[in-house]
Amino acid sequence: KVALVLTDLEMPEMDGFTLTRNIKSDGRFQGVPVIMHSSLSSEANKAMGKAVGVDGYVAKFDAEILADTLRPLLER
């Protein structure tokens, strides 16, 4: 069982926006939260993340904020 997906925005084969869009449109992953963790933390990138369905957008690298974002999702 997949508890959540943690992805970066910039990746070699597919960007995180496309990955999130694909996950959110695939019924097999219904209810699986997607968290984007990226050094690209402008408001435009956050808005695009929200538009494709990310459940959280965390700027790199603040370990405490990342943990606070992931913990409640993993405790479900």
C-alpha atoms as a PDB file:
ATOM      1  CA  LYS A   1       0.000   0.000   0.000  1.00  0.00           C
ATOM      2  CA  VAL A   2       1.300   3.449  -0.903  1.00  0.00           C
ATOM      3  CA  ALA A   3       0.798   5.864   2.009  1.00  0.00           C
ATOM      4  CA  LEU A   4       1.865   8.974   0.106  1.00  0.00           C
ATOM      5  CA  VAL A   5       4.041  10.203  -2.743  1.00  0.00           C
ATOM      6  CA  LEU A   6       6.849  12.673  -2.067  1.00  0.00           C
ATOM      7  CA  THR A   7       8.155  14.177  -5.282  1.00  0.00           C
ATOM      8  CA  ASP A   8      10.454  16.901  -6.471  1.00  0.00           C
ATOM      9  CA  LEU A   9       9.402  19.353  -9.153  1.00  0.00           C
ATOM     10  CA  GLU A  10      12.532  18.981 -11.269  1.00  0.00           C
ATOM     11  CA  MET A  11      13.297  15.421 -12.336  1.00  0.00           C
ATOM     12  CA  PRO A  12      15.102  13.955 -15.363  1.00  0.00           C
ATOM     13  CA  GLU A  13      12.270  12.147 -17.171  1.00  0.00           C
ATOM     14  CA  MET A  14       9.103  13.875 -15.987  1.00  0.00           C
ATOM     15  CA  ASP A  15       8.482  16.963 -13.900  1.00  0.00           C
ATOM     16  CA  GLY A  16       6.570  16.792 -10.641  1.00  0.00           C
ATOM     17  CA  PHE A  17       3.555  18.607 -12.106  1.00  0.00           C
ATOM     18  CA  THR A  18       3.107  15.932 -14.766  1.00  0.00           C
ATOM     19  CA  LEU A  19       3.674  13.150 -12.243  1.00  0.00           C
ATOM     20  CA  THR A  20       1.071  14.623  -9.891  1.00  0.00           C
ATOM     21  CA  ARG A  21      -1.425  15.106 -12.712  1.00  0.00           C
ATOM     22  CA  ASN A  22      -0.938  11.454 -13.730  1.00  0.00           C
ATOM     23  CA  ILE A  23      -1.321  10.181 -10.149  1.00  0.00           C
ATOM     24  CA  LYS A  24      -4.427  12.250  -9.467  1.00  0.00           C
ATOM     25  CA  SER A  25      -6.119  11.112 -12.694  1.00  0.00           C
ATOM     26  CA  ASP A  26      -5.468   7.404 -12.041  1.00  0.00           C
ATOM     27  CA  GLY A  27      -8.183   5.745  -9.952  1.00  0.00           C
ATOM     28  CA  ARG A  28      -5.713   3.239  -8.531  1.00  0.00           C
ATOM     29  CA  PHE A  29      -4.162   6.062  -6.509  1.00  0.00           C
ATOM     30  CA  GLN A  30      -7.393   7.607  -5.257  1.00  0.00           C
ATOM     31  CA  GLY A  31      -6.821   9.094  -1.819  1.00  0.00           C
ATOM     32  CA  VAL A  32      -3.024   8.917  -2.002  1.00  0.00           C
ATOM     33  CA  PRO A  33      -1.654  12.343  -1.048  1.00  0.00           C
ATOM     34  CA  VAL A  34       1.100  13.919  -3.142  1.00  0.00           C
ATOM     35  CA  ILE A  35       3.600  16.260  -1.482  1.00  0.00           C
ATOM     36  CA  MET A  36       5.921  18.334  -3.654  1.00  0.00           C
ATOM     37  CA  HIS A  37       9.317  19.140  -2.154  1.00  0.00           C
ATOM     38  CA  SER A  38      11.232  21.558  -4.335  1.00  0.00           C
ATOM     39  CA  SER A  39      13.838  24.284  -4.349  1.00  0.00           C
ATOM     40  CA  LEU A  40      11.540  26.096  -6.806  1.00  0.00           C
ATOM     41  CA  SER A  41       9.303  27.698  -4.232  1.00  0.00           C
ATOM     42  CA  SER A  42       7.859  30.742  -5.988  1.00  0.00           C
ATOM     43  CA  GLU A  43       4.172  31.508  -5.625  1.00  0.00           C
ATOM     44  CA  ALA A  44       3.717  30.617  -9.312  1.00  0.00           C
ATOM     45  CA  ASN A  45       5.145  27.124  -8.733  1.00  0.00           C
ATOM     46  CA  LYS A  46       2.999  26.652  -5.626  1.00  0.00           C
ATOM     47  CA  ALA A  47      -0.088  27.770  -7.574  1.00  0.00           C
ATOM     48  CA  MET A  48       0.711  25.345 -10.390  1.00  0.00           C
ATOM     49  CA  GLY A  49       1.161  22.575  -7.819  1.00  0.00           C
ATOM     50  CA  LYS A  50      -2.237  23.354  -6.369  1.00  0.00           C
ATOM     51  CA  ALA A  51      -3.746  23.409  -9.870  1.00  0.00           C
ATOM     52  CA  VAL A  52      -2.523  19.866 -10.604  1.00  0.00           C
ATOM     53  CA  GLY A  53      -3.661  18.570  -7.211  1.00  0.00           C
ATOM     54  CA  VAL A  54      -0.682  18.453  -4.855  1.00  0.00           C
ATOM     55  CA  ASP A  55      -1.744  18.062  -1.248  1.00  0.00           C
ATOM     56  CA  GLY A  56       1.228  20.023   0.052  1.00  0.00           C
ATOM     57  CA  TYR A  57       4.135  22.046  -1.311  1.00  0.00           C
ATOM     58  CA  VAL A  58       7.252  22.287   0.875  1.00  0.00           C
ATOM     59  CA  ALA A  59      10.293  24.355  -0.057  1.00  0.00           C
ATOM     60  CA  LYS A  60      13.682  22.615   0.176  1.00  0.00           C
ATOM     61  CA  PHE A  61      15.082  22.093   2.689  1.00  0.00           C
ATOM     62  CA  ASP A  62      13.375  22.724   5.939  1.00  0.00           C
ATOM     63  CA  ALA A  63      13.359  19.323   7.582  1.00  0.00           C
ATOM     64  CA  GLU A  64      10.979  20.382  10.337  1.00  0.00           C
ATOM     65  CA  ILE A  65       8.326  21.709   7.951  1.00  0.00           C
ATOM     66  CA  LEU A  66       8.710  18.627   5.749  1.00  0.00           C
ATOM     67  CA  ALA A  67       8.264  16.345   8.770  1.00  0.00           C
ATOM     68  CA  ASP A  68       5.271  18.364  10.000  1.00  0.00           C
ATOM     69  CA  THR A  69       3.677  18.034   6.559  1.00  0.00           C
ATOM     70  CA  LEU A  70       4.307  14.299   6.198  1.00  0.00           C
ATOM     71  CA  ARG A  71       3.596  13.121   9.749  1.00  0.00           C
ATOM     72  CA  PRO A  72      -0.225  13.565   9.801  1.00  0.00           C
ATOM     73  CA  LEU A  73      -0.567  11.964   6.374  1.00  0.00           C
ATOM     74  CA  LEU A  74       1.461   8.936   7.422  1.00  0.00           C
ATOM     75  CA  GLU A  75      -0.430   8.567  10.707  1.00  0.00           C
ATOM     76  CA  ARG A  76      -3.748   8.033   8.892  1.00  0.00           C
END
